[in-house]
PDB file of all heavy atoms in Angstrom:
ATOM      1  N   GLN A   1      14.080 -10.343  -3.556  1.00  0.00           N
ATOM      2  CA  GLN A   1      13.956 -10.072  -4.982  1.00  0.00           C
ATOM      3  C   GLN A   1      15.223  -9.391  -5.516  1.00  0.00           C
ATOM      4  O   GLN A   1      15.928  -8.693  -4.792  1.00  0.00           O
ATOM      5  CB  GLN A   1      12.741  -9.174  -5.242  1.00  0.00           C
ATOM      6  CG  GLN A   1      11.428  -9.772  -4.753  1.00  0.00           C
ATOM      7  CD  GLN A   1      11.129 -11.098  -5.421  1.00  0.00           C
ATOM      8  OE1 GLN A   1      11.180 -11.218  -6.656  1.00  0.00           O
ATOM      9  NE2 GLN A   1      10.812 -12.122  -4.625  1.00  0.00           N
ATOM     10  N   VAL A   2      15.476  -9.613  -6.800  1.00  0.00           N
ATOM     11  CA  VAL A   2      16.647  -9.009  -7.428  1.00  0.00           C
ATOM     12  C   VAL A   2      16.482  -7.493  -7.508  1.00  0.00           C
ATOM     13  O   VAL A   2      17.401  -6.724  -7.233  1.00  0.00           O
ATOM     14  CB  VAL A   2      16.865  -9.595  -8.845  1.00  0.00           C
ATOM     15  CG1 VAL A   2      18.006  -8.874  -9.556  1.00  0.00           C
ATOM     16  CG2 VAL A   2      17.138 -11.091  -8.744  1.00  0.00           C
ATOM     17  N   GLU A   3      15.257  -7.049  -7.875  1.00  0.00           N
ATOM     18  CA  GLU A   3      14.990  -5.621  -7.981  1.00  0.00           C
ATOM     19  C   GLU A   3      14.490  -5.069  -6.659  1.00  0.00           C
ATOM     20  O   GLU A   3      13.882  -5.779  -5.853  1.00  0.00           O
ATOM     21  CB  GLU A   3      13.940  -5.359  -9.074  1.00  0.00           C
ATOM     22  CG  GLU A   3      14.404  -5.692 -10.477  1.00  0.00           C
ATOM     23  CD  GLU A   3      13.351  -5.344 -11.513  1.00  0.00           C
ATOM     24  OE1 GLU A   3      12.151  -5.586 -11.239  1.00  0.00           O
ATOM     25  OE2 GLU A   3      13.708  -4.844 -12.583  1.00  0.00           O
ATOM     26  N   ASP A   4      14.770  -3.804  -6.429  1.00  0.00           N
ATOM     27  CA  ASP A   4      14.322  -3.126  -5.217  1.00  0.00           C
ATOM     28  C   ASP A   4      12.811  -2.941  -5.281  1.00  0.00           C
ATOM     29  O   ASP A   4      12.301  -2.212  -6.135  1.00  0.00           O
ATOM     30  CB  ASP A   4      15.018  -1.766  -5.109  1.00  0.00           C
ATOM     31  CG  ASP A   4      14.666  -1.036  -3.819  1.00  0.00           C
ATOM     32  OD1 ASP A   4      13.815  -1.532  -3.055  1.00  0.00           O
ATOM     33  OD2 ASP A   4      15.233   0.046  -3.584  1.00  0.00           O
ATOM     34  N   GLN A   5      12.087  -3.594  -4.374  1.00  0.00           N
ATOM     35  CA  GLN A   5      10.635  -3.534  -4.419  1.00  0.00           C
ATOM     36  C   GLN A   5      10.072  -2.224  -3.876  1.00  0.00           C
ATOM     37  O   GLN A   5       8.863  -2.008  -3.890  1.00  0.00           O
ATOM     38  CB  GLN A   5      10.040  -4.728  -3.664  1.00  0.00           C
ATOM     39  CG  GLN A   5      10.334  -6.055  -4.314  1.00  0.00           C
ATOM     40  CD  GLN A   5       9.977  -6.068  -5.792  1.00  0.00           C
ATOM     41  OE1 GLN A   5       8.826  -5.910  -6.170  1.00  0.00           O
ATOM     42  NE2 GLN A   5      10.988  -6.229  -6.659  1.00  0.00           N
ATOM     43  N   ALA A   6      10.937  -1.335  -3.395  1.00  0.00           N
ATOM     44  CA  ALA A   6      10.461  -0.008  -2.992  1.00  0.00           C
ATOM     45  C   ALA A   6      10.059   0.811  -4.212  1.00  0.00           C
ATOM     46  O   ALA A   6       9.263   1.739  -4.109  1.00  0.00           O
ATOM     47  CB  ALA A   6      11.540   0.720  -2.202  1.00  0.00           C
ATOM     48  N   VAL A   7      10.611   0.472  -5.367  1.00  0.00           N
ATOM     49  CA  VAL A   7      10.320   1.245  -6.576  1.00  0.00           C
ATOM     50  C   VAL A   7       9.793   0.374  -7.718  1.00  0.00           C
ATOM     51  O   VAL A   7       9.429   0.896  -8.768  1.00  0.00           O
ATOM     52  CB  VAL A   7      11.577   2.009  -7.062  1.00  0.00           C
ATOM     53  CG1 VAL A   7      11.978   3.066  -6.071  1.00  0.00           C
ATOM     54  CG2 VAL A   7      12.742   1.061  -7.310  1.00  0.00           C
ATOM     55  N   ASN A   8       9.729  -0.931  -7.541  1.00  0.00           N
ATOM     56  CA  ASN A   8       9.248  -1.830  -8.594  1.00  0.00           C
ATOM     57  C   ASN A   8       8.113  -2.690  -8.058  1.00  0.00           C
ATOM     58  O   ASN A   8       8.298  -3.461  -7.115  1.00  0.00           O
ATOM     59  CB  ASN A   8      10.380  -2.741  -9.093  1.00  0.00           C
ATOM     60  CG  ASN A   8      11.464  -1.967  -9.801  1.00  0.00           C
ATOM     61  OD1 ASN A   8      11.280  -1.515 -10.914  1.00  0.00           O
ATOM     62  ND2 ASN A   8      12.594  -1.801  -9.127  1.00  0.00           N
ATOM     63  N   LEU A   9       6.936  -2.571  -8.665  1.00  0.00           N
ATOM     64  CA  LEU A   9       5.808  -3.395  -8.264  1.00  0.00           C
ATOM     65  C   LEU A   9       5.916  -4.761  -8.915  1.00  0.00           C
ATOM     66  O   LEU A   9       6.358  -4.875 -10.069  1.00  0.00           O
ATOM     67  CB  LEU A   9       4.493  -2.733  -8.675  1.00  0.00           C
ATOM     68  CG  LEU A   9       4.169  -1.406  -7.984  1.00  0.00           C
ATOM     69  CD1 LEU A   9       2.887  -0.813  -8.558  1.00  0.00           C
ATOM     70  CD2 LEU A   9       4.035  -1.593  -6.484  1.00  0.00           C
ATOM     71  N   PRO A  10       5.516  -5.822  -8.217  1.00  0.00           N
ATOM     72  CA  PRO A  10       5.577  -7.160  -8.823  1.00  0.00           C
ATOM     73  C   PRO A  10       4.599  -7.279  -9.981  1.00  0.00           C
ATOM     74  O   PRO A  10       3.505  -6.701  -9.941  1.00  0.00           O
ATOM     75  CB  PRO A  10       5.184  -8.091  -7.663  1.00  0.00           C
ATOM     76  CG  PRO A  10       4.448  -7.224  -6.695  1.00  0.00           C
ATOM     77  CD  PRO A  10       5.030  -5.862  -6.828  1.00  0.00           C
ATOM     78  N   PRO A  11       4.961  -8.026 -11.033  1.00  0.00           N
ATOM     79  CA  PRO A  11       4.082  -8.141 -12.209  1.00  0.00           C
ATOM     80  C   PRO A  11       2.773  -8.854 -11.903  1.00  0.00           C
ATOM     81  O   PRO A  11       1.771  -8.646 -12.592  1.00  0.00           O
ATOM     82  CB  PRO A  11       4.936  -8.938 -13.208  1.00  0.00           C
ATOM     83  CG  PRO A  11       5.954  -9.647 -12.367  1.00  0.00           C
ATOM     84  CD  PRO A  11       6.227  -8.760 -11.212  1.00  0.00           C
ATOM     85  N   ASN A  12       2.754  -9.694 -10.851  1.00  0.00           N
ATOM     86  CA  ASN A  12       1.533 -10.420 -10.489  1.00  0.00           C
ATOM     87  C   ASN A  12       0.862  -9.796  -9.273  1.00  0.00           C
ATOM     88  O   ASN A  12       0.325 -10.498  -8.403  1.00  0.00           O
ATOM     89  CB  ASN A  12       1.847 -11.893 -10.231  1.00  0.00           C
ATOM     90  CG  ASN A  12       2.837 -12.081  -9.078  1.00  0.00           C
ATOM     91  OD1 ASN A  12       3.620 -11.171  -8.776  1.00  0.00           O
ATOM     92  ND2 ASN A  12       2.803 -13.253  -8.446  1.00  0.00           N
ATOM     93  N   LEU A  13       0.879  -8.473  -9.203  1.00  0.00           N
ATOM     94  CA  LEU A  13       0.339  -7.764  -8.033  1.00  0.00           C
ATOM     95  C   LEU A  13      -1.121  -8.132  -7.768  1.00  0.00           C
ATOM     96  O   LEU A  13      -1.521  -8.322  -6.614  1.00  0.00           O
ATOM     97  CB  LEU A  13       0.469  -6.248  -8.242  1.00  0.00           C
ATOM     98  CG  LEU A  13      -0.017  -5.365  -7.093  1.00  0.00           C
ATOM     99  CD1 LEU A  13       0.803  -5.606  -5.834  1.00  0.00           C
ATOM    100  CD2 LEU A  13       0.041  -3.887  -7.492  1.00  0.00           C
ATOM    101  N   ASN A  14      -1.925  -8.267  -8.818  1.00  0.00           N
ATOM    102  CA  ASN A  14      -3.346  -8.584  -8.639  1.00  0.00           C
ATOM    103  C   ASN A  14      -3.553  -9.948  -7.990  1.00  0.00           C
ATOM    104  O   ASN A  14      -4.555 -10.169  -7.296  1.00  0.00           O
ATOM    105  CB  ASN A  14      -4.078  -8.533  -9.984  1.00  0.00           C
ATOM    106  CG  ASN A  14      -4.192  -7.110 -10.519  1.00  0.00           C
ATOM    107  OD1 ASN A  14      -4.166  -6.163  -9.735  1.00  0.00           O
ATOM    108  ND2 ASN A  14      -4.309  -6.966 -11.832  1.00  0.00           N
ATOM    109  N   GLU A  15      -2.626 -10.877  -8.212  1.00  0.00           N
ATOM    110  CA  GLU A  15      -2.728 -12.195  -7.573  1.00  0.00           C
ATOM    111  C   GLU A  15      -2.322 -12.130  -6.108  1.00  0.00           C
ATOM    112  O   GLU A  15      -2.847 -12.866  -5.272  1.00  0.00           O
ATOM    113  CB  GLU A  15      -1.827 -13.198  -8.305  1.00  0.00           C
ATOM    114  CG  GLU A  15      -2.184 -13.414  -9.768  1.00  0.00           C
ATOM    115  CD  GLU A  15      -1.157 -14.310 -10.454  1.00  0.00           C
ATOM    116  OE1 GLU A  15      -0.391 -14.981  -9.738  1.00  0.00           O
ATOM    117  OE2 GLU A  15      -1.122 -14.313 -11.710  1.00  0.00           O
ATOM    118  N   LEU A  16      -1.380 -11.242  -5.787  1.00  0.00           N
ATOM    119  CA  LEU A  16      -0.843 -11.187  -4.432  1.00  0.00           C
ATOM    120  C   LEU A  16      -1.744 -10.418  -3.479  1.00  0.00           C
ATOM    121  O   LEU A  16      -1.860 -10.764  -2.297  1.00  0.00           O
ATOM    122  CB  LEU A  16       0.545 -10.535  -4.456  1.00  0.00           C
ATOM    123  CG  LEU A  16       1.617 -11.231  -5.303  1.00  0.00           C
ATOM    124  CD1 LEU A  16       2.891 -10.400  -5.338  1.00  0.00           C
ATOM    125  CD2 LEU A  16       1.904 -12.622  -4.742  1.00  0.00           C
ATOM    126  N   VAL A  17      -2.372  -9.358  -3.962  1.00  0.00           N
ATOM    127  CA  VAL A  17      -3.158  -8.471  -3.102  1.00  0.00           C
ATOM    128  C   VAL A  17      -4.641  -8.644  -3.398  1.00  0.00           C
ATOM    129  O   VAL A  17      -5.087  -8.437  -4.534  1.00  0.00           O
ATOM    130  CB  VAL A  17      -2.743  -6.995  -3.327  1.00  0.00           C
ATOM    131  CG1 VAL A  17      -3.595  -6.076  -2.464  1.00  0.00           C
ATOM    132  CG2 VAL A  17      -1.268  -6.800  -3.022  1.00  0.00           C
ATOM    133  N   GLN A  18      -5.388  -9.060  -2.371  1.00  0.00           N
ATOM    134  CA  GLN A  18      -6.830  -9.233  -2.534  1.00  0.00           C
ATOM    135  C   GLN A  18      -7.632  -8.048  -1.986  1.00  0.00           C
ATOM    136  O   GLN A  18      -8.721  -7.756  -2.436  1.00  0.00           O
ATOM    137  CB  GLN A  18      -7.310 -10.505  -1.808  1.00  0.00           C
ATOM    138  CG  GLN A  18      -6.992 -11.798  -2.554  1.00  0.00           C
ATOM    139  CD  GLN A  18      -5.540 -12.219  -2.369  1.00  0.00           C
ATOM    140  OE1 GLN A  18      -5.031 -12.217  -1.254  1.00  0.00           O
ATOM    141  NE2 GLN A  18      -4.874 -12.562  -3.449  1.00  0.00           N
ATOM    142  N   ASN A  19      -7.075  -7.352  -1.011  1.00  0.00           N
ATOM    143  CA  ASN A  19      -7.817  -6.257  -0.378  1.00  0.00           C
ATOM    144  C   ASN A  19      -6.840  -5.157   0.023  1.00  0.00           C
ATOM    145  O   ASN A  19      -6.052  -5.329   0.935  1.00  0.00           O
ATOM    146  CB  ASN A  19      -8.578  -6.778   0.850  1.00  0.00           C
ATOM    147  CG  ASN A  19      -9.437  -5.699   1.484  1.00  0.00           C
ATOM    148  OD1 ASN A  19      -9.441  -4.550   1.041  1.00  0.00           O
ATOM    149  ND2 ASN A  19     -10.172  -6.068   2.518  1.00  0.00           N
ATOM    150  N   ALA A  20      -6.907  -4.038  -0.673  1.00  0.00           N
ATOM    151  CA  ALA A  20      -5.988  -2.934  -0.390  1.00  0.00           C
ATOM    152  C   ALA A  20      -6.725  -1.699   0.115  1.00  0.00           C
ATOM    153  O   ALA A  20      -6.283  -0.581  -0.060  1.00  0.00           O
ATOM    154  CB  ALA A  20      -5.194  -2.583  -1.641  1.00  0.00           C
ATOM    155  N   THR A  21      -7.896  -1.905   0.726  1.00  0.00           N
ATOM    156  CA  THR A  21      -8.662  -0.771   1.232  1.00  0.00           C
ATOM    157  C   THR A  21      -8.126  -0.349   2.595  1.00  0.00           C
ATOM    158  O   THR A  21      -7.584  -1.157   3.351  1.00  0.00           O
ATOM    159  CB  THR A  21     -10.146  -1.126   1.364  1.00  0.00           C
ATOM    160  OG1 THR A  21     -10.285  -2.240   2.261  1.00  0.00           O
ATOM    161  CG2 THR A  21     -10.733  -1.496   0.014  1.00  0.00           C
ATOM    162  N   TYR A  22      -8.279   0.923   2.908  1.00  0.00           N
ATOM    163  CA  TYR A  22      -7.826   1.474   4.183  1.00  0.00           C
ATOM    164  C   TYR A  22      -8.985   2.210   4.841  1.00  0.00           C
ATOM    165  O   TYR A  22      -9.731   2.935   4.180  1.00  0.00           O
ATOM    166  CB  TYR A  22      -6.666   2.447   3.974  1.00  0.00           C
ATOM    167  CG  TYR A  22      -5.436   1.813   3.367  1.00  0.00           C
ATOM    168  CD1 TYR A  22      -5.265   1.793   1.985  1.00  0.00           C
ATOM    169  CD2 TYR A  22      -4.452   1.233   4.159  1.00  0.00           C
ATOM    170  CE1 TYR A  22      -4.142   1.207   1.414  1.00  0.00           C
ATOM    171  CE2 TYR A  22      -3.324   0.657   3.604  1.00  0.00           C
ATOM    172  CZ  TYR A  22      -3.178   0.651   2.235  1.00  0.00           C
ATOM    173  OH  TYR A  22      -2.066   0.074   1.670  1.00  0.00           O
ATOM    174  N   VAL A  23      -9.101   2.052   6.127  1.00  0.00           N
ATOM    175  CA  VAL A  23     -10.125   2.772   6.887  1.00  0.00           C
ATOM    176  C   VAL A  23      -9.602   4.166   7.197  1.00  0.00           C
ATOM    177  O   VAL A  23      -8.467   4.330   7.649  1.00  0.00           O
ATOM    178  CB  VAL A  23     -10.454   2.020   8.196  1.00  0.00           C
ATOM    179  CG1 VAL A  23     -11.471   2.811   9.025  1.00  0.00           C
ATOM    180  CG2 VAL A  23     -10.990   0.623   7.876  1.00  0.00           C
ATOM    181  N   GLN A  24     -10.421   5.196   6.933  1.00  0.00           N
ATOM    182  CA  GLN A  24     -10.008   6.568   7.197  1.00  0.00           C
ATOM    183  C   GLN A  24      -9.858   6.790   8.697  1.00  0.00           C
ATOM    184  O   GLN A  24     -10.759   6.490   9.471  1.00  0.00           O
ATOM    185  CB  GLN A  24     -11.047   7.550   6.635  1.00  0.00           C
ATOM    186  CG  GLN A  24     -10.732   9.012   6.864  1.00  0.00           C
ATOM    187  CD  GLN A  24      -9.643   9.549   5.958  1.00  0.00           C
ATOM    188  OE1 GLN A  24      -9.230   8.872   5.036  1.00  0.00           O
ATOM    189  NE2 GLN A  24      -9.196  10.761   6.210  1.00  0.00           N
ATOM    190  N   SER A  25      -8.701   7.298   9.102  1.00  0.00           N
ATOM    191  CA  SER A  25      -8.437   7.569  10.510  1.00  0.00           C
ATOM    192  C   SER A  25      -9.169   8.838  10.957  1.00  0.00           C
ATOM    193  O   SER A  25      -9.576   9.653  10.125  1.00  0.00           O
ATOM    194  CB  SER A  25      -6.931   7.736  10.741  1.00  0.00           C
ATOM    195  OG  SER A  25      -6.234   6.588  10.321  1.00  0.00           O
ATOM    196  N   PRO A  26      -9.313   9.042  12.269  1.00  0.00           N
ATOM    197  CA  PRO A  26      -9.990  10.243  12.771  1.00  0.00           C
ATOM    198  C   PRO A  26      -9.251  11.515  12.354  1.00  0.00           C
ATOM    199  O   PRO A  26      -8.025  11.517  12.165  1.00  0.00           O
ATOM    200  CB  PRO A  26      -9.944  10.070  14.299  1.00  0.00           C
ATOM    201  CG  PRO A  26      -9.725   8.608  14.525  1.00  0.00           C
ATOM    202  CD  PRO A  26      -8.932   8.121  13.359  1.00  0.00           C
ATOM    203  N   ASP A  27     -10.004  12.606  12.224  1.00  0.00           N
ATOM    204  CA  ASP A  27      -9.430  13.874  11.759  1.00  0.00           C
ATOM    205  C   ASP A  27      -8.254  14.335  12.615  1.00  0.00           C
ATOM    206  O   ASP A  27      -7.271  14.868  12.098  1.00  0.00           O
ATOM    207  CB  ASP A  27     -10.497  14.978  11.735  1.00  0.00           C
ATOM    208  CG  ASP A  27     -11.405  14.863  10.525  1.00  0.00           C
ATOM    209  OD1 ASP A  27     -11.109  14.036   9.636  1.00  0.00           O
ATOM    210  OD2 ASP A  27     -12.393  15.616  10.466  1.00  0.00           O
ATOM    211  N   ASN A  28      -8.347  14.153  13.919  1.00  0.00           N
ATOM    212  CA  ASN A  28      -7.274  14.650  14.786  1.00  0.00           C
ATOM    213  C   ASN A  28      -5.956  13.919  14.537  1.00  0.00           C
ATOM    214  O   ASN A  28      -4.883  14.437  14.840  1.00  0.00           O
ATOM    215  CB  ASN A  28      -7.681  14.542  16.257  1.00  0.00           C
ATOM    216  CG  ASN A  28      -7.844  13.106  16.709  1.00  0.00           C
ATOM    217  OD1 ASN A  28      -8.310  12.259  15.958  1.00  0.00           O
ATOM    218  ND2 ASN A  28      -7.475  12.836  17.944  1.00  0.00           N
ATOM    219  N   LEU A  29      -6.025  12.709  13.956  1.00  0.00           N
ATOM    220  CA  LEU A  29      -4.814  11.996  13.557  1.00  0.00           C
ATOM    221  C   LEU A  29      -4.410  12.359  12.132  1.00  0.00           C
ATOM    222  O   LEU A  29      -3.251  12.649  11.856  1.00  0.00           O
ATOM    223  CB  LEU A  29      -5.026  10.485  13.661  1.00  0.00           C
ATOM    224  CG  LEU A  29      -5.186   9.901  15.071  1.00  0.00           C
ATOM    225  CD1 LEU A  29      -5.407   8.406  14.982  1.00  0.00           C
ATOM    226  CD2 LEU A  29      -3.943  10.202  15.913  1.00  0.00           C
ATOM    227  N   VAL A  30      -5.388  12.358  11.224  1.00  0.00           N
ATOM    228  CA  VAL A  30      -5.099  12.593   9.803  1.00  0.00           C
ATOM    229  C   VAL A  30      -4.430  13.936   9.582  1.00  0.00           C
ATOM    230  O   VAL A  30      -3.418  14.050   8.888  1.00  0.00           O
ATOM    231  CB  VAL A  30      -6.392  12.517   8.971  1.00  0.00           C
ATOM    232  CG1 VAL A  30      -6.148  12.988   7.534  1.00  0.00           C
ATOM    233  CG2 VAL A  30      -6.935  11.093   8.968  1.00  0.00           C
ATOM    234  N   TRP A  31      -4.957  14.987  10.202  1.00  0.00           N
ATOM    235  CA  TRP A  31      -4.502  16.337   9.880  1.00  0.00           C
ATOM    236  C   TRP A  31      -3.186  16.703  10.551  1.00  0.00           C
ATOM    237  O   TRP A  31      -2.658  17.792  10.329  1.00  0.00           O
ATOM    238  CB  TRP A  31      -5.600  17.351  10.185  1.00  0.00           C
ATOM    239  CG  TRP A  31      -6.697  17.251   9.178  1.00  0.00           C
ATOM    240  CD1 TRP A  31      -7.737  16.367   9.188  1.00  0.00           C
ATOM    241  CD2 TRP A  31      -6.831  18.007   7.974  1.00  0.00           C
ATOM    242  NE1 TRP A  31      -8.522  16.527   8.078  1.00  0.00           N
ATOM    243  CE2 TRP A  31      -7.993  17.535   7.314  1.00  0.00           C
ATOM    244  CE3 TRP A  31      -6.096  19.034   7.387  1.00  0.00           C
ATOM    245  CZ2 TRP A  31      -8.424  18.066   6.094  1.00  0.00           C
ATOM    246  CZ3 TRP A  31      -6.527  19.569   6.180  1.00  0.00           C
ATOM    247  CH2 TRP A  31      -7.675  19.086   5.550  1.00  0.00           C
ATOM    248  N   GLN A  32      -2.627  15.802  11.347  1.00  0.00           N
ATOM    249  CA  GLN A  32      -1.250  15.989  11.809  1.00  0.00           C
ATOM    250  C   GLN A  32      -0.253  15.705  10.689  1.00  0.00           C
ATOM    251  O   GLN A  32       0.876  16.193  10.716  1.00  0.00           O
ATOM    252  CB  GLN A  32      -0.949  15.048  12.980  1.00  0.00           C
ATOM    253  CG  GLN A  32      -1.716  15.346  14.250  1.00  0.00           C
ATOM    254  CD  GLN A  32      -1.325  14.387  15.348  1.00  0.00           C
ATOM    255  OE1 GLN A  32      -0.143  14.232  15.670  1.00  0.00           O
ATOM    256  NE2 GLN A  32      -2.300  13.715  15.926  1.00  0.00           N
ATOM    257  N   TYR A  33      -0.696  14.898   9.709  1.00  0.00           N
ATOM    258  CA  TYR A  33       0.210  14.404   8.680  1.00  0.00           C
ATOM    259  C   TYR A  33      -0.242  14.731   7.255  1.00  0.00           C
ATOM    260  O   TYR A  33       0.473  14.444   6.300  1.00  0.00           O
ATOM    261  CB  TYR A  33       0.353  12.884   8.800  1.00  0.00           C
ATOM    262  CG  TYR A  33       0.645  12.426  10.201  1.00  0.00           C
ATOM    263  CD1 TYR A  33      -0.335  11.843  10.995  1.00  0.00           C
ATOM    264  CD2 TYR A  33       1.905  12.614  10.764  1.00  0.00           C
ATOM    265  CE1 TYR A  33      -0.055  11.433  12.292  1.00  0.00           C
ATOM    266  CE2 TYR A  33       2.186  12.216  12.054  1.00  0.00           C
ATOM    267  CZ  TYR A  33       1.195  11.619  12.811  1.00  0.00           C
ATOM    268  OH  TYR A  33       1.473  11.222  14.096  1.00  0.00           O
TER     269      TYR A  33
END
C-alpha cells in the first residue's frame, strides 16, 4: 500500500475482517504484560 498501514486503517475494513474476537489468555500470561 502507498500509505503506512501501521497507522492507517483500510477504508473497506468491514469487508476484509469477518471475525476480530480474541480469546482471553490465562491470568499467569496476561498479567506479565
